[in-house]
Amino acid sequence: MASTDEEIKQAIILRSDLEMSRGKLAAQAAHASLMSYFECEKADKSIAKEWLATGEKKIVLKVGDEESLVKLYKAFQFKGVPCALVTDAGLTEIPPGSKTALGVGPWQSSRINEFTSGLKLL
């Protein structure tokens, strides 16, 4: 499935409405990145390998609420793009069960851009 003609990247999408410290944001982004990478590896090892070999390009974006985050997650799932939704345990700054982040890919940039092109950088 991998096309070496197209750039491979990962998108990390964080909620901007939660009052998370920078450290908490970084932790949630790391969870999203790793979880989504493992989903990619299950879906297509060649894409995962290409991403690792070409610098692990990532983009970090934001959405304004949980509903938007979950809607994106479902859209990527429907399109067959590997992704992972992070649900916080609630041990520190935010309530348990809060959906905080979404990792998408690594996957073909054009497939990720279908749903992220209108989002702003964090």
N, C-alpha and C. Protein backbone atom coordinates (compact mmCIF):
# COMPACT_ATOMS: atom_id res chain seq x y z
N MET A 1 0.82 -1.20 0.00
CA MET A 1 0.00 0.00 0.00
C MET A 1 0.86 1.26 0.00
N ALA A 2 2.05 1.19 0.52
CA ALA A 2 2.90 2.38 0.62
C ALA A 2 3.33 2.85 -0.76
N SER A 3 3.33 4.15 -0.92
CA SER A 3 3.81 4.74 -2.15
C SER A 3 5.02 5.60 -1.82
N THR A 4 6.17 5.21 -2.32
CA THR A 4 7.38 5.97 -2.02
C THR A 4 7.40 7.30 -2.76
N ASP A 5 6.42 7.51 -3.66
CA ASP A 5 6.33 8.77 -4.38
C ASP A 5 5.67 9.86 -3.53
N GLU A 6 5.03 9.48 -2.45
CA GLU A 6 4.31 10.45 -1.64
C GLU A 6 4.92 10.55 -0.25
N GLU A 7 4.94 11.78 0.26
CA GLU A 7 5.45 12.02 1.60
C GLU A 7 4.61 11.29 2.65
N ILE A 8 5.30 10.76 3.65
CA ILE A 8 4.65 10.10 4.78
C ILE A 8 4.81 11.02 5.98
N LYS A 9 3.72 11.24 6.70
CA LYS A 9 3.80 12.07 7.90
C LYS A 9 2.83 11.56 8.95
N GLN A 10 2.94 12.13 10.12
CA GLN A 10 2.04 11.84 11.22
C GLN A 10 1.44 13.16 11.68
N ALA A 11 0.16 13.14 12.02
CA ALA A 11 -0.49 14.31 12.59
C ALA A 11 -0.85 14.00 14.04
N ILE A 12 -0.59 14.97 14.89
CA ILE A 12 -0.96 14.88 16.30
C ILE A 12 -1.91 16.04 16.55
N ILE A 13 -3.11 15.72 17.00
CA ILE A 13 -4.14 16.73 17.18
C ILE A 13 -4.51 16.80 18.65
N LEU A 14 -4.38 17.98 19.23
CA LEU A 14 -4.62 18.19 20.65
C LEU A 14 -5.81 19.12 20.86
N ARG A 15 -6.49 18.93 21.96
CA ARG A 15 -7.61 19.81 22.30
C ARG A 15 -7.08 21.11 22.91
N SER A 16 -7.60 22.22 22.41
CA SER A 16 -7.16 23.51 22.93
C SER A 16 -8.07 24.04 24.02
N ASP A 17 -9.21 23.38 24.25
CA ASP A 17 -10.15 23.87 25.26
C ASP A 17 -9.82 23.39 26.67
N LEU A 18 -8.98 22.37 26.78
CA LEU A 18 -8.59 21.87 28.10
C LEU A 18 -7.44 22.72 28.62
N GLU A 19 -7.46 23.03 29.87
CA GLU A 19 -6.37 23.82 30.45
C GLU A 19 -5.27 22.88 30.93
N MET A 20 -4.48 22.41 29.96
CA MET A 20 -3.37 21.51 30.28
C MET A 20 -2.07 22.31 30.28
N SER A 21 -1.20 21.97 31.22
CA SER A 21 0.12 22.59 31.25
C SER A 21 0.90 22.14 30.02
N ARG A 22 2.00 22.82 29.73
CA ARG A 22 2.83 22.42 28.59
C ARG A 22 3.34 21.00 28.74
N GLY A 23 3.68 20.63 29.96
CA GLY A 23 4.15 19.26 30.19
C GLY A 23 3.07 18.23 29.91
N LYS A 24 1.85 18.53 30.33
CA LYS A 24 0.73 17.63 30.09
C LYS A 24 0.44 17.54 28.59
N LEU A 25 0.47 18.67 27.90
CA LEU A 25 0.29 18.66 26.44
C LEU A 25 1.33 17.78 25.77
N ALA A 26 2.59 17.94 26.20
CA ALA A 26 3.67 17.14 25.62
C ALA A 26 3.45 15.66 25.87
N ALA A 27 3.02 15.31 27.07
CA ALA A 27 2.77 13.90 27.39
C ALA A 27 1.64 13.33 26.54
N GLN A 28 0.57 14.11 26.37
CA GLN A 28 -0.57 13.64 25.57
C GLN A 28 -0.17 13.49 24.10
N ALA A 29 0.66 14.42 23.60
CA ALA A 29 1.15 14.31 22.23
C ALA A 29 2.01 13.07 22.06
N ALA A 30 2.85 12.78 23.05
CA ALA A 30 3.70 11.59 22.99
C ALA A 30 2.86 10.32 22.99
N HIS A 31 1.83 10.28 23.83
CA HIS A 31 0.92 9.12 23.83
C HIS A 31 0.30 8.94 22.45
N ALA A 32 -0.21 10.03 21.89
CA ALA A 32 -0.88 9.96 20.59
C ALA A 32 0.08 9.48 19.50
N SER A 33 1.30 10.00 19.51
CA SER A 33 2.29 9.62 18.50
C SER A 33 2.61 8.13 18.57
N LEU A 34 2.93 7.66 19.75
CA LEU A 34 3.30 6.24 19.89
C LEU A 34 2.14 5.30 19.59
N MET A 35 0.98 5.62 20.14
CA MET A 35 -0.19 4.76 19.94
C MET A 35 -0.54 4.67 18.45
N SER A 36 -0.49 5.80 17.76
CA SER A 36 -0.83 5.82 16.35
C SER A 36 0.25 5.12 15.52
N TYR A 37 1.50 5.28 15.90
CA TYR A 37 2.58 4.59 15.19
C TYR A 37 2.35 3.07 15.24
N PHE A 38 1.99 2.56 16.41
CA PHE A 38 1.76 1.12 16.53
C PHE A 38 0.57 0.67 15.68
N GLU A 39 -0.43 1.53 15.52
CA GLU A 39 -1.56 1.22 14.63
C GLU A 39 -1.09 1.17 13.18
N CYS A 40 -0.21 2.07 12.80
CA CYS A 40 0.35 2.07 11.46
C CYS A 40 1.15 0.80 11.21
N GLU A 41 1.95 0.44 12.18
CA GLU A 41 2.78 -0.75 12.04
C GLU A 41 1.92 -2.00 11.80
N LYS A 42 0.78 -2.07 12.47
CA LYS A 42 -0.15 -3.19 12.26
C LYS A 42 -0.77 -3.13 10.86
N ALA A 43 -1.05 -1.93 10.38
CA ALA A 43 -1.75 -1.76 9.10
C ALA A 43 -0.83 -1.94 7.90
N ASP A 44 0.40 -1.41 7.99
CA ASP A 44 1.32 -1.48 6.85
C ASP A 44 2.75 -1.22 7.34
N LYS A 45 3.47 -2.29 7.56
CA LYS A 45 4.84 -2.18 8.08
C LYS A 45 5.75 -1.36 7.17
N SER A 46 5.50 -1.40 5.86
CA SER A 46 6.37 -0.67 4.94
C SER A 46 6.22 0.85 5.11
N ILE A 47 5.01 1.32 5.39
CA ILE A 47 4.82 2.76 5.64
C ILE A 47 5.50 3.15 6.94
N ALA A 48 5.34 2.34 7.98
CA ALA A 48 6.00 2.63 9.26
C ALA A 48 7.51 2.69 9.09
N LYS A 49 8.05 1.75 8.35
CA LYS A 49 9.50 1.70 8.12
C LYS A 49 9.97 2.91 7.31
N GLU A 50 9.21 3.28 6.28
CA GLU A 50 9.57 4.44 5.45
C GLU A 50 9.57 5.72 6.30
N TRP A 51 8.56 5.87 7.16
CA TRP A 51 8.47 7.05 8.02
C TRP A 51 9.69 7.15 8.94
N LEU A 52 10.07 6.03 9.53
CA LEU A 52 11.25 6.02 10.40
C LEU A 52 12.52 6.37 9.63
N ALA A 53 12.60 5.90 8.40
CA ALA A 53 13.80 6.11 7.60
C ALA A 53 13.90 7.52 7.00
N THR A 54 12.79 8.26 7.02
CA THR A 54 12.79 9.57 6.35
C THR A 54 12.58 10.73 7.32
N GLY A 55 12.90 10.53 8.58
CA GLY A 55 12.92 11.65 9.51
C GLY A 55 11.70 11.80 10.42
N GLU A 56 10.76 10.88 10.32
CA GLU A 56 9.60 10.87 11.24
C GLU A 56 8.85 12.20 11.26
N LYS A 57 8.49 12.72 10.09
CA LYS A 57 7.80 14.00 10.00
C LYS A 57 6.48 13.97 10.78
N LYS A 58 6.29 15.04 11.58
CA LYS A 58 5.07 15.20 12.39
C LYS A 58 4.57 16.61 12.25
N ILE A 59 3.27 16.76 12.41
CA ILE A 59 2.65 18.08 12.48
C ILE A 59 1.71 18.06 13.68
N VAL A 60 1.72 19.14 14.46
CA VAL A 60 0.88 19.20 15.66
C VAL A 60 -0.18 20.27 15.45
N LEU A 61 -1.42 19.85 15.54
CA LEU A 61 -2.57 20.71 15.25
C LEU A 61 -3.49 20.77 16.46
N LYS A 62 -4.52 21.63 16.36
CA LYS A 62 -5.44 21.74 17.49
C LYS A 62 -6.89 21.75 17.02
N VAL A 63 -7.76 21.27 17.92
CA VAL A 63 -9.21 21.38 17.76
C VAL A 63 -9.75 22.00 19.04
N GLY A 64 -10.97 22.52 18.96
CA GLY A 64 -11.52 23.27 20.07
C GLY A 64 -12.29 22.50 21.11
N ASP A 65 -12.63 21.24 20.83
CA ASP A 65 -13.42 20.50 21.82
C ASP A 65 -13.35 18.99 21.57
N GLU A 66 -13.88 18.25 22.52
CA GLU A 66 -13.84 16.79 22.44
C GLU A 66 -14.66 16.26 21.26
N GLU A 67 -15.80 16.86 21.01
CA GLU A 67 -16.66 16.42 19.91
C GLU A 67 -15.91 16.47 18.58
N SER A 68 -15.18 17.54 18.34
CA SER A 68 -14.40 17.68 17.10
C SER A 68 -13.31 16.62 17.01
N LEU A 69 -12.67 16.33 18.13
CA LEU A 69 -11.61 15.33 18.16
C LEU A 69 -12.16 13.95 17.84
N VAL A 70 -13.27 13.60 18.46
CA VAL A 70 -13.89 12.29 18.24
C VAL A 70 -14.40 12.17 16.81
N LYS A 71 -14.95 13.24 16.28
CA LYS A 71 -15.44 13.24 14.89
C LYS A 71 -14.29 12.96 13.92
N LEU A 72 -13.15 13.59 14.15
CA LEU A 72 -11.97 13.33 13.31
C LEU A 72 -11.52 11.88 13.43
N TYR A 73 -11.49 11.39 14.65
CA TYR A 73 -11.09 9.99 14.88
C TYR A 73 -11.97 9.04 14.07
N LYS A 74 -13.26 9.25 14.14
CA LYS A 74 -14.19 8.37 13.42
C LYS A 74 -14.02 8.50 11.91
N ALA A 75 -13.76 9.71 11.43
CA ALA A 75 -13.56 9.92 10.00
C ALA A 75 -12.32 9.18 9.51
N PHE A 76 -11.22 9.28 10.25
CA PHE A 76 -10.00 8.58 9.85
C PHE A 76 -10.20 7.07 9.93
N GLN A 77 -10.88 6.59 10.94
CA GLN A 77 -11.16 5.16 11.03
C GLN A 77 -11.95 4.69 9.81
N PHE A 78 -12.97 5.45 9.46
CA PHE A 78 -13.82 5.11 8.32
C PHE A 78 -13.01 5.02 7.04
N LYS A 79 -12.05 5.91 6.86
CA LYS A 79 -11.20 5.93 5.66
C LYS A 79 -10.06 4.92 5.71
N GLY A 80 -9.92 4.21 6.83
CA GLY A 80 -8.88 3.20 6.94
C GLY A 80 -7.49 3.75 7.20
N VAL A 81 -7.43 4.97 7.76
CA VAL A 81 -6.14 5.57 8.10
C VAL A 81 -5.83 5.23 9.56
N PRO A 82 -4.69 4.63 9.84
CA PRO A 82 -4.36 4.27 11.22
C PRO A 82 -4.36 5.49 12.13
N CYS A 83 -5.01 5.34 13.27
CA CYS A 83 -5.11 6.45 14.21
C CYS A 83 -5.37 5.92 15.61
N ALA A 84 -5.18 6.78 16.59
CA ALA A 84 -5.39 6.39 17.99
C ALA A 84 -5.87 7.58 18.79
N LEU A 85 -6.91 7.37 19.55
CA LEU A 85 -7.51 8.40 20.39
C LEU A 85 -7.02 8.21 21.83
N VAL A 86 -6.50 9.27 22.42
CA VAL A 86 -5.97 9.22 23.77
C VAL A 86 -7.06 9.62 24.76
N THR A 87 -7.29 8.74 25.73
CA THR A 87 -8.24 9.01 26.81
C THR A 87 -7.45 9.09 28.11
N ASP A 88 -7.54 10.22 28.79
CA ASP A 88 -6.74 10.45 29.99
C ASP A 88 -7.30 9.70 31.20
N ALA A 89 -6.40 9.23 32.03
CA ALA A 89 -6.79 8.52 33.25
C ALA A 89 -7.29 9.47 34.34
N GLY A 90 -7.00 10.74 34.20
CA GLY A 90 -7.49 11.73 35.17
C GLY A 90 -6.73 11.76 36.48
N LEU A 91 -5.48 11.37 36.46
CA LEU A 91 -4.70 11.33 37.70
C LEU A 91 -4.06 12.67 38.05
N THR A 92 -4.02 13.60 37.10
CA THR A 92 -3.34 14.86 37.38
C THR A 92 -4.22 16.08 37.14
N GLU A 93 -4.29 16.57 35.92
CA GLU A 93 -4.87 17.89 35.66
C GLU A 93 -6.30 17.91 35.14
N ILE A 94 -6.76 16.84 34.55
CA ILE A 94 -8.08 16.87 33.91
C ILE A 94 -8.93 15.68 34.35
N PRO A 95 -10.25 15.77 34.17
CA PRO A 95 -11.13 14.69 34.63
C PRO A 95 -10.86 13.36 33.92
N PRO A 96 -11.04 12.25 34.65
CA PRO A 96 -10.84 10.93 34.03
C PRO A 96 -11.78 10.74 32.85
N GLY A 97 -11.29 10.07 31.83
CA GLY A 97 -12.09 9.78 30.66
C GLY A 97 -12.08 10.87 29.60
N SER A 98 -11.40 11.97 29.88
CA SER A 98 -11.32 13.06 28.89
C SER A 98 -10.52 12.60 27.68
N LYS A 99 -11.06 12.86 26.50
CA LYS A 99 -10.34 12.58 25.26
C LYS A 99 -9.45 13.80 25.00
N THR A 100 -8.15 13.58 25.01
CA THR A 100 -7.21 14.70 24.97
C THR A 100 -6.49 14.90 23.65
N ALA A 101 -6.25 13.81 22.93
CA ALA A 101 -5.39 13.89 21.75
C ALA A 101 -5.74 12.79 20.76
N LEU A 102 -5.35 13.03 19.53
CA LEU A 102 -5.53 12.06 18.46
C LEU A 102 -4.24 11.98 17.67
N GLY A 103 -3.75 10.78 17.50
CA GLY A 103 -2.61 10.54 16.62
C GLY A 103 -3.12 9.96 15.32
N VAL A 104 -2.61 10.45 14.20
CA VAL A 104 -3.02 9.97 12.89
C VAL A 104 -1.77 9.62 12.09
N GLY A 105 -1.71 8.38 11.64
CA GLY A 105 -0.56 7.93 10.88
C GLY A 105 0.61 7.55 11.78
N PRO A 106 1.75 7.41 11.19
CA PRO A 106 2.20 7.88 9.89
C PRO A 106 1.42 7.21 8.74
N TRP A 107 1.20 8.04 7.71
CA TRP A 107 0.46 7.59 6.53
C TRP A 107 0.71 8.60 5.42
N GLN A 108 0.16 8.37 4.25
CA GLN A 108 0.36 9.30 3.15
C GLN A 108 -0.21 10.67 3.53
N SER A 109 0.57 11.71 3.28
CA SER A 109 0.17 13.08 3.63
C SER A 109 -1.18 13.46 3.04
N SER A 110 -1.42 13.09 1.79
CA SER A 110 -2.69 13.48 1.16
C SER A 110 -3.89 12.88 1.87
N ARG A 111 -3.74 11.67 2.39
CA ARG A 111 -4.85 11.02 3.11
C ARG A 111 -5.09 11.70 4.46
N ILE A 112 -4.03 12.15 5.11
CA ILE A 112 -4.16 12.87 6.38
C ILE A 112 -4.74 14.27 6.14
N ASN A 113 -4.27 14.91 5.08
CA ASN A 113 -4.72 16.28 4.78
C ASN A 113 -6.20 16.37 4.44
N GLU A 114 -6.80 15.26 4.02
CA GLU A 114 -8.24 15.26 3.70
C GLU A 114 -9.06 15.85 4.84
N PHE A 115 -8.66 15.54 6.07
CA PHE A 115 -9.45 15.99 7.23
C PHE A 115 -8.74 17.02 8.10
N THR A 116 -7.48 17.29 7.82
CA THR A 116 -6.75 18.20 8.71
C THR A 116 -6.38 19.53 8.07
N SER A 117 -6.59 19.68 6.79
CA SER A 117 -6.12 20.89 6.10
C SER A 117 -6.73 22.18 6.66
N GLY A 118 -7.89 22.10 7.28
CA GLY A 118 -8.52 23.29 7.86
C GLY A 118 -8.15 23.57 9.31
N LEU A 119 -7.35 22.69 9.90
CA LEU A 119 -6.97 22.86 11.31
C LEU A 119 -5.77 23.78 11.43
N LYS A 120 -5.68 24.44 12.58
CA LYS A 120 -4.55 25.34 12.84
C LYS A 120 -3.46 24.63 13.63
N LEU A 121 -2.24 25.12 13.45
CA LEU A 121 -1.11 24.60 14.23
C LEU A 121 -1.32 24.94 15.70
N LEU A 122 -0.85 24.07 16.56
CA LEU A 122 -0.93 24.32 18.00
C LEU A 122 0.08 25.38 18.40
